Amino acid sequence: MAIAVRKDLDMGKGKIAAQVAHAAVECSMNNSEKRNKWISEGQKKIVVWVKDEAQLQELIRKARSTGINCCPIRDAGLTQLEPDTLTCSGFGPDEDSVIDSITGSFKLV
């Protein structure tokens, strides 16, 4: 599983952690066969930066067009961000090579 986080939002560390947790939970609720394998193998997750909403939307489009489980996360707007701000997206769980085809070229958070 990978989670791509928008760098342009300048979220605090706690906010990033919460948004990443939302994405991981949401993604883990889908695709039971791949989820069960992912759980049995230690629930690997990586978190990467994307520069802005446009770049994140492009990853989401790419994942959806290739059938990769994708879970965009929008903030409720109760603290640091405006309501409905797209903050991050989870991808997977799936094989490393599948996830890398979406997020493999991005820098780790």
PDB file of N, CA and C in Angstrom:
ATOM      1  N   MET A   1       0.844  -1.166   0.000  1.00  0.00           N
ATOM      2  CA  MET A   1       0.000   0.000   0.000  1.00  0.00           C
ATOM      3  C   MET A   1       0.891   1.231   0.000  1.00  0.00           C
ATOM      4  N   ALA A   2       0.430   2.256  -0.685  1.00  0.00           N
ATOM      5  CA  ALA A   2       1.114   3.541  -0.667  1.00  0.00           C
ATOM      6  C   ALA A   2       0.083   4.632  -0.449  1.00  0.00           C
ATOM      7  N   ILE A   3       0.521   5.684   0.211  1.00  0.00           N
ATOM      8  CA  ILE A   3      -0.322   6.855   0.396  1.00  0.00           C
ATOM      9  C   ILE A   3       0.458   8.047  -0.134  1.00  0.00           C
ATOM     10  N   ALA A   4      -0.166   8.790  -1.053  1.00  0.00           N
ATOM     11  CA  ALA A   4       0.430  10.000  -1.617  1.00  0.00           C
ATOM     12  C   ALA A   4      -0.207  11.203  -0.938  1.00  0.00           C
ATOM     13  N   VAL A   5       0.639  12.098  -0.406  1.00  0.00           N
ATOM     14  CA  VAL A   5       0.199  13.246   0.379  1.00  0.00           C
ATOM     15  C   VAL A   5       0.591  14.534  -0.335  1.00  0.00           C
ATOM     16  N   ARG A   6      -0.325  15.481  -0.379  1.00  0.00           N
ATOM     17  CA  ARG A   6      -0.059  16.785  -0.990  1.00  0.00           C
ATOM     18  C   ARG A   6       0.895  17.609  -0.141  1.00  0.00           C
ATOM     19  N   LYS A   7       1.997  18.019  -0.753  1.00  0.00           N
ATOM     20  CA  LYS A   7       2.989  18.827  -0.050  1.00  0.00           C
ATOM     21  C   LYS A   7       2.585  20.302   0.005  1.00  0.00           C
ATOM     22  N   ASP A   8       1.828  20.760  -0.970  1.00  0.00           N
ATOM     23  CA  ASP A   8       1.486  22.174  -1.060  1.00  0.00           C
ATOM     24  C   ASP A   8       0.551  22.652   0.050  1.00  0.00           C
ATOM     25  N   LEU A   9      -0.064  21.752   0.771  1.00  0.00           N
ATOM     26  CA  LEU A   9      -0.994  22.148   1.824  1.00  0.00           C
ATOM     27  C   LEU A   9      -0.299  22.549   3.124  1.00  0.00           C
ATOM     28  N   ASP A  10       0.974  22.216   3.257  1.00  0.00           N
ATOM     29  CA  ASP A  10       1.739  22.536   4.472  1.00  0.00           C
ATOM     30  C   ASP A  10       1.013  22.100   5.740  1.00  0.00           C
ATOM     31  N   MET A  11       0.488  20.891   5.724  1.00  0.00           N
ATOM     32  CA  MET A  11      -0.190  20.354   6.903  1.00  0.00           C
ATOM     33  C   MET A  11       0.817  20.084   8.016  1.00  0.00           C
ATOM     34  N   GLY A  12       0.374  20.204   9.244  1.00  0.00           N
ATOM     35  CA  GLY A  12       1.212  19.843  10.376  1.00  0.00           C
ATOM     36  C   GLY A  12       1.436  18.337  10.419  1.00  0.00           C
ATOM     37  N   LYS A  13       2.421  17.908  11.174  1.00  0.00           N
ATOM     38  CA  LYS A  13       2.753  16.481  11.255  1.00  0.00           C
ATOM     39  C   LYS A  13       1.579  15.643  11.738  1.00  0.00           C
ATOM     40  N   GLY A  14       0.871  16.139  12.733  1.00  0.00           N
ATOM     41  CA  GLY A  14      -0.282  15.400  13.243  1.00  0.00           C
ATOM     42  C   GLY A  14      -1.392  15.292  12.214  1.00  0.00           C
ATOM     43  N   LYS A  15      -1.607  16.365  11.463  1.00  0.00           N
ATOM     44  CA  LYS A  15      -2.637  16.365  10.422  1.00  0.00           C
ATOM     45  C   LYS A  15      -2.267  15.372   9.332  1.00  0.00           C
ATOM     46  N   ILE A  16      -1.007  15.363   8.924  1.00  0.00           N
ATOM     47  CA  ILE A  16      -0.550  14.401   7.915  1.00  0.00           C
ATOM     48  C   ILE A  16      -0.770  12.979   8.425  1.00  0.00           C
ATOM     49  N   ALA A  17      -0.392  12.744   9.671  1.00  0.00           N
ATOM     50  CA  ALA A  17      -0.559  11.401  10.242  1.00  0.00           C
ATOM     51  C   ALA A  17      -2.023  10.984  10.226  1.00  0.00           C
ATOM     52  N   ALA A  18      -2.918  11.876  10.581  1.00  0.00           N
ATOM     53  CA  ALA A  18      -4.340  11.549  10.599  1.00  0.00           C
ATOM     54  C   ALA A  18      -4.866  11.269   9.194  1.00  0.00           C
ATOM     55  N   GLN A  19      -4.459  12.066   8.209  1.00  0.00           N
ATOM     56  CA  GLN A  19      -4.928  11.871   6.846  1.00  0.00           C
ATOM     57  C   GLN A  19      -4.397  10.562   6.262  1.00  0.00           C
ATOM     58  N   VAL A  20      -3.143  10.248   6.545  1.00  0.00           N
ATOM     59  CA  VAL A  20      -2.556   8.987   6.093  1.00  0.00           C
ATOM     60  C   VAL A  20      -3.282   7.808   6.746  1.00  0.00           C
ATOM     61  N   ALA A  21      -3.606   7.944   8.024  1.00  0.00           N
ATOM     62  CA  ALA A  21      -4.345   6.880   8.713  1.00  0.00           C
ATOM     63  C   ALA A  21      -5.718   6.676   8.076  1.00  0.00           C
ATOM     64  N   HIS A  22      -6.406   7.768   7.745  1.00  0.00           N
ATOM     65  CA  HIS A  22      -7.696   7.648   7.057  1.00  0.00           C
ATOM     66  C   HIS A  22      -7.544   6.860   5.765  1.00  0.00           C
ATOM     67  N   ALA A  23      -6.516   7.188   4.978  1.00  0.00           N
ATOM     68  CA  ALA A  23      -6.305   6.516   3.694  1.00  0.00           C
ATOM     69  C   ALA A  23      -5.994   5.031   3.886  1.00  0.00           C
ATOM     70  N   ALA A  24      -5.150   4.707   4.857  1.00  0.00           N
ATOM     71  CA  ALA A  24      -4.792   3.308   5.099  1.00  0.00           C
ATOM     72  C   ALA A  24      -6.006   2.497   5.534  1.00  0.00           C
ATOM     73  N   VAL A  25      -6.796   3.049   6.431  1.00  0.00           N
ATOM     74  CA  VAL A  25      -7.997   2.340   6.894  1.00  0.00           C
ATOM     75  C   VAL A  25      -8.962   2.147   5.734  1.00  0.00           C
ATOM     76  N   GLU A  26      -9.213   3.213   4.979  1.00  0.00           N
ATOM     77  CA  GLU A  26     -10.149   3.138   3.855  1.00  0.00           C
ATOM     78  C   GLU A  26      -9.698   2.087   2.843  1.00  0.00           C
ATOM     79  N   CYS A  27      -8.422   2.114   2.480  1.00  0.00           N
ATOM     80  CA  CYS A  27      -7.917   1.133   1.505  1.00  0.00           C
ATOM     81  C   CYS A  27      -7.996  -0.289   2.041  1.00  0.00           C
ATOM     82  N   SER A  28      -7.762  -0.463   3.334  1.00  0.00           N
ATOM     83  CA  SER A  28      -7.757  -1.810   3.891  1.00  0.00           C
ATOM     84  C   SER A  28      -9.156  -2.414   3.970  1.00  0.00           C
ATOM     85  N   MET A  29     -10.173  -1.605   3.746  1.00  0.00           N
ATOM     86  CA  MET A  29     -11.542  -2.108   3.801  1.00  0.00           C
ATOM     87  C   MET A  29     -11.998  -2.673   2.456  1.00  0.00           C
ATOM     88  N   ASN A  30     -11.173  -2.581   1.441  1.00  0.00           N
ATOM     89  CA  ASN A  30     -11.528  -3.027   0.098  1.00  0.00           C
ATOM     90  C   ASN A  30     -10.741  -4.267  -0.303  1.00  0.00           C
ATOM     91  N   ASN A  31     -11.273  -5.013  -1.247  1.00  0.00           N
ATOM     92  CA  ASN A  31     -10.555  -6.095  -1.922  1.00  0.00           C
ATOM     93  C   ASN A  31     -10.036  -7.144  -0.944  1.00  0.00           C
ATOM     94  N   SER A  32     -10.909  -7.971  -0.421  1.00  0.00           N
ATOM     95  CA  SER A  32     -10.560  -8.864   0.681  1.00  0.00           C
ATOM     96  C   SER A  32      -9.428  -9.842   0.377  1.00  0.00           C
ATOM     97  N   GLU A  33      -9.322 -10.355  -0.844  1.00  0.00           N
ATOM     98  CA  GLU A  33      -8.241 -11.302  -1.147  1.00  0.00           C
ATOM     99  C   GLU A  33      -6.878 -10.621  -1.040  1.00  0.00           C
ATOM    100  N   LYS A  34      -6.737  -9.468  -1.666  1.00  0.00           N
ATOM    101  CA  LYS A  34      -5.456  -8.741  -1.590  1.00  0.00           C
ATOM    102  C   LYS A  34      -5.229  -8.207  -0.181  1.00  0.00           C
ATOM    103  N   ARG A  35      -6.280  -7.786   0.476  1.00  0.00           N
ATOM    104  CA  ARG A  35      -6.159  -7.281   1.847  1.00  0.00           C
ATOM    105  C   ARG A  35      -5.654  -8.382   2.772  1.00  0.00           C
ATOM    106  N   ASN A  36      -6.206  -9.579   2.653  1.00  0.00           N
ATOM    107  CA  ASN A  36      -5.778 -10.673   3.525  1.00  0.00           C
ATOM    108  C   ASN A  36      -4.313 -11.013   3.310  1.00  0.00           C
ATOM    109  N   LYS A  37      -3.868 -11.012   2.069  1.00  0.00           N
ATOM    110  CA  LYS A  37      -2.448 -11.261   1.773  1.00  0.00           C
ATOM    111  C   LYS A  37      -1.584 -10.152   2.382  1.00  0.00           C
ATOM    112  N   TRP A  38      -2.008  -8.912   2.195  1.00  0.00           N
ATOM    113  CA  TRP A  38      -1.288  -7.744   2.718  1.00  0.00           C
ATOM    114  C   TRP A  38      -1.183  -7.833   4.241  1.00  0.00           C
ATOM    115  N   ILE A  39      -2.266  -8.191   4.905  1.00  0.00           N
ATOM    116  CA  ILE A  39      -2.258  -8.318   6.359  1.00  0.00           C
ATOM    117  C   ILE A  39      -1.304  -9.432   6.793  1.00  0.00           C
ATOM    118  N   SER A  40      -1.348 -10.567   6.101  1.00  0.00           N
ATOM    119  CA  SER A  40      -0.489 -11.693   6.491  1.00  0.00           C
ATOM    120  C   SER A  40       0.989 -11.407   6.254  1.00  0.00           C
ATOM    121  N   GLU A  41       1.288 -10.445   5.381  1.00  0.00           N
ATOM    122  CA  GLU A  41       2.678 -10.105   5.078  1.00  0.00           C
ATOM    123  C   GLU A  41       3.186  -8.885   5.856  1.00  0.00           C
ATOM    124  N   GLY A  42       2.418  -8.403   6.825  1.00  0.00           N
ATOM    125  CA  GLY A  42       2.909  -7.329   7.684  1.00  0.00           C
ATOM    126  C   GLY A  42       2.343  -5.949   7.428  1.00  0.00           C
ATOM    127  N   GLN A  43       1.393  -5.810   6.516  1.00  0.00           N
ATOM    128  CA  GLN A  43       0.704  -4.540   6.260  1.00  0.00           C
ATOM    129  C   GLN A  43       1.653  -3.420   5.833  1.00  0.00           C
ATOM    130  N   LYS A  44       2.533  -3.707   4.895  1.00  0.00           N
ATOM    131  CA  LYS A  44       3.502  -2.724   4.406  1.00  0.00           C
ATOM    132  C   LYS A  44       2.791  -1.488   3.861  1.00  0.00           C
ATOM    133  N   LYS A  45       3.314  -0.309   4.259  1.00  0.00           N
ATOM    134  CA  LYS A  45       2.812   0.966   3.770  1.00  0.00           C
ATOM    135  C   LYS A  45       3.989   1.889   3.510  1.00  0.00           C
ATOM    136  N   ILE A  46       3.897   2.662   2.433  1.00  0.00           N
ATOM    137  CA  ILE A  46       4.852   3.734   2.218  1.00  0.00           C
ATOM    138  C   ILE A  46       4.052   5.018   2.036  1.00  0.00           C
ATOM    139  N   VAL A  47       4.676   6.136   2.359  1.00  0.00           N
ATOM    140  CA  VAL A  47       4.027   7.437   2.226  1.00  0.00           C
ATOM    141  C   VAL A  47       4.953   8.319   1.402  1.00  0.00           C
ATOM    142  N   VAL A  48       4.387   8.913   0.352  1.00  0.00           N
ATOM    143  CA  VAL A  48       5.175   9.743  -0.564  1.00  0.00           C
ATOM    144  C   VAL A  48       4.534  11.120  -0.710  1.00  0.00           C
ATOM    145  N   TRP A  49       5.353  12.082  -1.134  1.00  0.00           N
ATOM    146  CA  TRP A  49       4.876  13.426  -1.414  1.00  0.00           C
ATOM    147  C   TRP A  49       4.451  13.562  -2.869  1.00  0.00           C
ATOM    148  N   VAL A  50       3.380  14.299  -3.095  1.00  0.00           N
ATOM    149  CA  VAL A  50       3.058  14.828  -4.421  1.00  0.00           C
ATOM    150  C   VAL A  50       3.010  16.341  -4.262  1.00  0.00           C
ATOM    151  N   LYS A  51       3.286  17.060  -5.354  1.00  0.00           N
ATOM    152  CA  LYS A  51       3.443  18.517  -5.202  1.00  0.00           C
ATOM    153  C   LYS A  51       2.131  19.258  -4.978  1.00  0.00           C
ATOM    154  N   ASP A  52       1.033  18.778  -5.579  1.00  0.00           N
ATOM    155  CA  ASP A  52      -0.210  19.551  -5.477  1.00  0.00           C
ATOM    156  C   ASP A  52      -1.413  18.690  -5.853  1.00  0.00           C
ATOM    157  N   GLU A  53      -2.582  19.299  -5.841  1.00  0.00           N
ATOM    158  CA  GLU A  53      -3.810  18.568  -6.129  1.00  0.00           C
ATOM    159  C   GLU A  53      -3.817  18.005  -7.546  1.00  0.00           C
ATOM    160  N   ALA A  54      -3.321  18.762  -8.500  1.00  0.00           N
ATOM    161  CA  ALA A  54      -3.309  18.282  -9.889  1.00  0.00           C
ATOM    162  C   ALA A  54      -2.498  16.995 -10.013  1.00  0.00           C
ATOM    163  N   GLN A  55      -1.356  16.930  -9.383  1.00  0.00           N
ATOM    164  CA  GLN A  55      -0.522  15.731  -9.448  1.00  0.00           C
ATOM    165  C   GLN A  55      -1.205  14.560  -8.743  1.00  0.00           C
ATOM    166  N   LEU A  56      -1.859  14.823  -7.625  1.00  0.00           N
ATOM    167  CA  LEU A  56      -2.574  13.769  -6.929  1.00  0.00           C
ATOM    168  C   LEU A  56      -3.754  13.271  -7.756  1.00  0.00           C
ATOM    169  N   GLN A  57      -4.488  14.176  -8.368  1.00  0.00           N
ATOM    170  CA  GLN A  57      -5.617  13.781  -9.223  1.00  0.00           C
ATOM    171  C   GLN A  57      -5.142  12.918 -10.392  1.00  0.00           C
ATOM    172  N   GLU A  58      -3.981  13.216 -10.934  1.00  0.00           N
ATOM    173  CA  GLU A  58      -3.440  12.413 -12.032  1.00  0.00           C
ATOM    174  C   GLU A  58      -3.137  10.990 -11.563  1.00  0.00           C
ATOM    175  N   LEU A  59      -2.571  10.841 -10.368  1.00  0.00           N
ATOM    176  CA  LEU A  59      -2.313   9.497  -9.830  1.00  0.00           C
ATOM    177  C   LEU A  59      -3.622   8.743  -9.610  1.00  0.00           C
ATOM    178  N   ILE A  60      -4.617   9.436  -9.116  1.00  0.00           N
ATOM    179  CA  ILE A  60      -5.927   8.821  -8.890  1.00  0.00           C
ATOM    180  C   ILE A  60      -6.519   8.342 -10.210  1.00  0.00           C
ATOM    181  N   ARG A  61      -6.461   9.183 -11.238  1.00  0.00           N
ATOM    182  CA  ARG A  61      -6.964   8.788 -12.566  1.00  0.00           C
ATOM    183  C   ARG A  61      -6.218   7.568 -13.106  1.00  0.00           C
ATOM    184  N   LYS A  62      -4.900   7.581 -12.958  1.00  0.00           N
ATOM    185  CA  LYS A  62      -4.083   6.465 -13.440  1.00  0.00           C
ATOM    186  C   LYS A  62      -4.450   5.173 -12.713  1.00  0.00           C
ATOM    187  N   ALA A  63      -4.594   5.244 -11.400  1.00  0.00           N
ATOM    188  CA  ALA A  63      -4.949   4.052 -10.621  1.00  0.00           C
ATOM    189  C   ALA A  63      -6.309   3.525 -11.044  1.00  0.00           C
ATOM    190  N   ARG A  64      -7.265   4.393 -11.137  1.00  0.00           N
ATOM    191  CA  ARG A  64      -8.610   3.962 -11.511  1.00  0.00           C
ATOM    192  C   ARG A  64      -8.651   3.371 -12.908  1.00  0.00           C
ATOM    193  N   SER A  65      -7.894   3.945 -13.831  1.00  0.00           N
ATOM    194  CA  SER A  65      -7.915   3.436 -15.204  1.00  0.00           C
ATOM    195  C   SER A  65      -7.258   2.073 -15.332  1.00  0.00           C
ATOM    196  N   THR A  66      -6.410   1.721 -14.376  1.00  0.00           N
ATOM    197  CA  THR A  66      -5.742   0.421 -14.416  1.00  0.00           C
ATOM    198  C   THR A  66      -6.322  -0.561 -13.397  1.00  0.00           C
ATOM    199  N   GLY A  67      -7.383  -0.173 -12.711  1.00  0.00           N
ATOM    200  CA  GLY A  67      -8.059  -1.076 -11.787  1.00  0.00           C
ATOM    201  C   GLY A  67      -7.402  -1.226 -10.429  1.00  0.00           C
ATOM    202  N   ILE A  68      -6.520  -0.313 -10.067  1.00  0.00           N
ATOM    203  CA  ILE A  68      -5.861  -0.360  -8.757  1.00  0.00           C
ATOM    204  C   ILE A  68      -6.778   0.302  -7.728  1.00  0.00           C
ATOM    205  N   ASN A  69      -6.970  -0.354  -6.596  1.00  0.00           N
ATOM    206  CA  ASN A  69      -7.782   0.213  -5.524  1.00  0.00           C
ATOM    207  C   ASN A  69      -7.217   1.576  -5.129  1.00  0.00           C
ATOM    208  N   CYS A  70      -8.089   2.564  -5.064  1.00  0.00           N
ATOM    209  CA  CYS A  70      -7.684   3.936  -4.818  1.00  0.00           C
ATOM    210  C   CYS A  70      -8.675   4.578  -3.854  1.00  0.00           C
ATOM    211  N   CYS A  71      -8.164   5.252  -2.827  1.00  0.00           N
ATOM    212  CA  CYS A  71      -9.023   5.830  -1.795  1.00  0.00           C
ATOM    213  C   CYS A  71      -8.642   7.287  -1.530  1.00  0.00           C
ATOM    214  N   PRO A  72      -9.169   8.216  -2.322  1.00  0.00           N
ATOM    215  CA  PRO A  72      -8.915   9.639  -2.071  1.00  0.00           C
ATOM    216  C   PRO A  72      -9.527  10.067  -0.735  1.00  0.00           C
ATOM    217  N   ILE A  73      -8.825  10.938  -0.029  1.00  0.00           N
ATOM    218  CA  ILE A  73      -9.272  11.413   1.277  1.00  0.00           C
ATOM    219  C   ILE A  73      -9.495  12.921   1.213  1.00  0.00           C
ATOM    220  N   ARG A  74     -10.682  13.322   1.659  1.00  0.00           N
ATOM    221  CA  ARG A  74     -11.035  14.743   1.724  1.00  0.00           C
ATOM    222  C   ARG A  74     -11.248  15.115   3.187  1.00  0.00           C
ATOM    223  N   ASP A  75     -10.689  16.243   3.567  1.00  0.00           N
ATOM    224  CA  ASP A  75     -10.739  16.672   4.960  1.00  0.00           C
ATOM    225  C   ASP A  75     -12.106  17.255   5.313  1.00  0.00           C
ATOM    226  N   ALA A  76     -12.513  17.061   6.546  1.00  0.00           N
ATOM    227  CA  ALA A  76     -13.789  17.586   7.031  1.00  0.00           C
ATOM    228  C   ALA A  76     -13.739  19.097   7.269  1.00  0.00           C
ATOM    229  N   GLY A  77     -12.542  19.654   7.378  1.00  0.00           N
ATOM    230  CA  GLY A  77     -12.410  21.098   7.537  1.00  0.00           C
ATOM    231  C   GLY A  77     -12.596  21.601   8.956  1.00  0.00           C
ATOM    232  N   LEU A  78     -12.345  20.771   9.942  1.00  0.00           N
ATOM    233  CA  LEU A  78     -12.572  21.178  11.329  1.00  0.00           C
ATOM    234  C   LEU A  78     -11.356  21.836  11.978  1.00  0.00           C
ATOM    235  N   THR A  79     -10.180  21.703  11.360  1.00  0.00           N
ATOM    236  CA  THR A  79      -8.975  22.255  11.990  1.00  0.00           C
ATOM    237  C   THR A  79      -8.185  23.117  11.014  1.00  0.00           C
ATOM    238  N   GLN A  80      -7.248  22.534  10.274  1.00  0.00           N
ATOM    239  CA  GLN A  80      -6.294  23.308   9.488  1.00  0.00           C
ATOM    240  C   GLN A  80      -6.732  23.637   8.065  1.00  0.00           C
ATOM    241  N   LEU A  81      -7.676  22.896   7.525  1.00  0.00           N
ATOM    242  CA  LEU A  81      -7.997  23.002   6.099  1.00  0.00           C
ATOM    243  C   LEU A  81      -9.455  23.359   5.869  1.00  0.00           C
ATOM    244  N   GLU A  82      -9.725  23.826   4.672  1.00  0.00           N
ATOM    245  CA  GLU A  82     -11.100  24.091   4.271  1.00  0.00           C
ATOM    246  C   GLU A  82     -11.836  22.765   4.094  1.00  0.00           C
ATOM    247  N   PRO A  83     -13.148  22.747   4.365  1.00  0.00           N
ATOM    248  CA  PRO A  83     -13.912  21.516   4.154  1.00  0.00           C
ATOM    249  C   PRO A  83     -13.772  21.003   2.716  1.00  0.00           C
ATOM    250  N   ASP A  84     -13.692  19.689   2.584  1.00  0.00           N
ATOM    251  CA  ASP A  84     -13.634  18.990   1.299  1.00  0.00           C
ATOM    252  C   ASP A  84     -12.299  19.129   0.561  1.00  0.00           C
ATOM    253  N   THR A  85     -11.245  19.544   1.265  1.00  0.00           N
ATOM    254  CA  THR A  85      -9.916  19.626   0.658  1.00  0.00           C
ATOM    255  C   THR A  85      -9.371  18.220   0.431  1.00  0.00           C
ATOM    256  N   LEU A  86      -8.967  17.918  -0.794  1.00  0.00           N
ATOM    257  CA  LEU A  86      -8.318  16.645  -1.107  1.00  0.00           C
ATOM    258  C   LEU A  86      -6.908  16.686  -0.528  1.00  0.00           C
ATOM    259  N   THR A  87      -6.641  15.823   0.455  1.00  0.00           N
ATOM    260  CA  THR A  87      -5.359  15.859   1.163  1.00  0.00           C
ATOM    261  C   THR A  87      -4.377  14.785   0.710  1.00  0.00           C
ATOM    262  N   CYS A  88      -4.909  13.600   0.429  1.00  0.00           N
ATOM    263  CA  CYS A  88      -4.047  12.471   0.093  1.00  0.00           C
ATOM    264  C   CYS A  88      -4.895  11.394  -0.565  1.00  0.00           C
ATOM    265  N   SER A  89      -4.240  10.343  -1.004  1.00  0.00           N
ATOM    266  CA  SER A  89      -4.950   9.180  -1.516  1.00  0.00           C
ATOM    267  C   SER A  89      -4.139   7.938  -1.222  1.00  0.00           C
ATOM    268  N   GLY A  90      -4.857   6.900  -0.848  1.00  0.00           N
ATOM    269  CA  GLY A  90      -4.233   5.600  -0.658  1.00  0.00           C
ATOM    270  C   GLY A  90      -4.362   4.776  -1.922  1.00  0.00           C
ATOM    271  N   PHE A  91      -3.401   3.901  -2.157  1.00  0.00           N
ATOM    272  CA  PHE A  91      -3.388   3.013  -3.319  1.00  0.00           C
ATOM    273  C   PHE A  91      -3.038   1.607  -2.841  1.00  0.00           C
ATOM    274  N   GLY A  92      -3.918   0.656  -3.157  1.00  0.00           N
ATOM    275  CA  GLY A  92      -3.675  -0.722  -2.763  1.00  0.00           C
ATOM    276  C   GLY A  92      -4.679  -1.174  -1.719  1.00  0.00           C
ATOM    277  N   PRO A  93      -4.349  -2.231  -0.974  1.00  0.00           N
ATOM    278  CA  PRO A  93      -3.105  -2.992  -1.055  1.00  0.00           C
ATOM    279  C   PRO A  93      -3.015  -3.817  -2.334  1.00  0.00           C
ATOM    280  N   ASP A  94      -1.777  -4.025  -2.765  1.00  0.00           N
ATOM    281  CA  ASP A  94      -1.504  -4.789  -3.974  1.00  0.00           C
ATOM    282  C   ASP A  94      -0.031  -5.183  -3.974  1.00  0.00           C
ATOM    283  N   GLU A  95       0.370  -5.882  -5.015  1.00  0.00           N
ATOM    284  CA  GLU A  95       1.775  -6.260  -5.166  1.00  0.00           C
ATOM    285  C   GLU A  95       2.653  -5.012  -5.288  1.00  0.00           C
ATOM    286  N   ASP A  96       3.907  -5.102  -4.811  1.00  0.00           N
ATOM    287  CA  ASP A  96       4.829  -3.967  -4.871  1.00  0.00           C
ATOM    288  C   ASP A  96       4.931  -3.383  -6.277  1.00  0.00           C
ATOM    289  N   SER A  97       5.038  -4.237  -7.270  1.00  0.00           N
ATOM    290  CA  SER A  97       5.213  -3.749  -8.646  1.00  0.00           C
ATOM    291  C   SER A  97       3.997  -2.957  -9.122  1.00  0.00           C
ATOM    292  N   VAL A  98       2.822  -3.341  -8.677  1.00  0.00           N
ATOM    293  CA  VAL A  98       1.594  -2.625  -9.047  1.00  0.00           C
ATOM    294  C   VAL A  98       1.575  -1.249  -8.382  1.00  0.00           C
ATOM    295  N   ILE A  99       1.869  -1.214  -7.100  1.00  0.00           N
ATOM    296  CA  ILE A  99       1.892   0.056  -6.373  1.00  0.00           C
ATOM    297  C   ILE A  99       2.993   0.955  -6.925  1.00  0.00           C
ATOM    298  N   ASP A 100       4.161   0.388  -7.204  1.00  0.00           N
ATOM    299  CA  ASP A 100       5.268   1.176  -7.751  1.00  0.00           C
ATOM    300  C   ASP A 100       4.933   1.791  -9.103  1.00  0.00           C
ATOM    301  N   SER A 101       4.049   1.169  -9.858  1.00  0.00           N
ATOM    302  CA  SER A 101       3.670   1.738 -11.154  1.00  0.00           C
ATOM    303  C   SER A 101       2.909   3.052 -10.982  1.00  0.00           C
ATOM    304  N   ILE A 102       2.360   3.283  -9.797  1.00  0.00           N
ATOM    305  CA  ILE A 102       1.648   4.526  -9.499  1.00  0.00           C
ATOM    306  C   ILE A 102       2.526   5.507  -8.729  1.00  0.00           C
ATOM    307  N   THR A 103       3.167   5.049  -7.686  1.00  0.00           N
ATOM    308  CA  THR A 103       3.857   5.977  -6.753  1.00  0.00           C
ATOM    309  C   THR A 103       5.371   5.787  -6.691  1.00  0.00           C
ATOM    310  N   GLY A 104       5.920   4.869  -7.449  1.00  0.00           N
ATOM    311  CA  GLY A 104       7.332   4.513  -7.323  1.00  0.00           C
ATOM    312  C   GLY A 104       8.327   5.620  -7.613  1.00  0.00           C
ATOM    313  N   SER A 105       7.932   6.650  -8.346  1.00  0.00           N
ATOM    314  CA  SER A 105       8.877   7.707  -8.713  1.00  0.00           C
ATOM    315  C   SER A 105       8.852   8.911  -7.754  1.00  0.00           C
ATOM    316  N   PHE A 106       8.066   8.831  -6.700  1.00  0.00           N
ATOM    317  CA  PHE A 106       7.907   9.964  -5.795  1.00  0.00           C
ATOM    318  C   PHE A 106       8.761   9.808  -4.545  1.00  0.00           C
ATOM    319  N   LYS A 107       9.162  10.949  -3.940  1.00  0.00           N
ATOM    320  CA  LYS A 107      10.003  10.939  -2.750  1.00  0.00           C
ATOM    321  C   LYS A 107       9.209  10.554  -1.517  1.00  0.00           C
ATOM    322  N   LEU A 108       9.843   9.773  -0.648  1.00  0.00           N
ATOM    323  CA  LEU A 108       9.240   9.395   0.627  1.00  0.00           C
ATOM    324  C   LEU A 108       9.062  10.602   1.534  1.00  0.00           C
ATOM    325  N   VAL A 109       7.987  10.573   2.315  1.00  0.00           N
ATOM    326  CA  VAL A 109       7.751  11.631   3.305  1.00  0.00           C
ATOM    327  C   VAL A 109       8.756  11.456   4.429  1.00  0.00           C
TER     328      VAL A 109
END
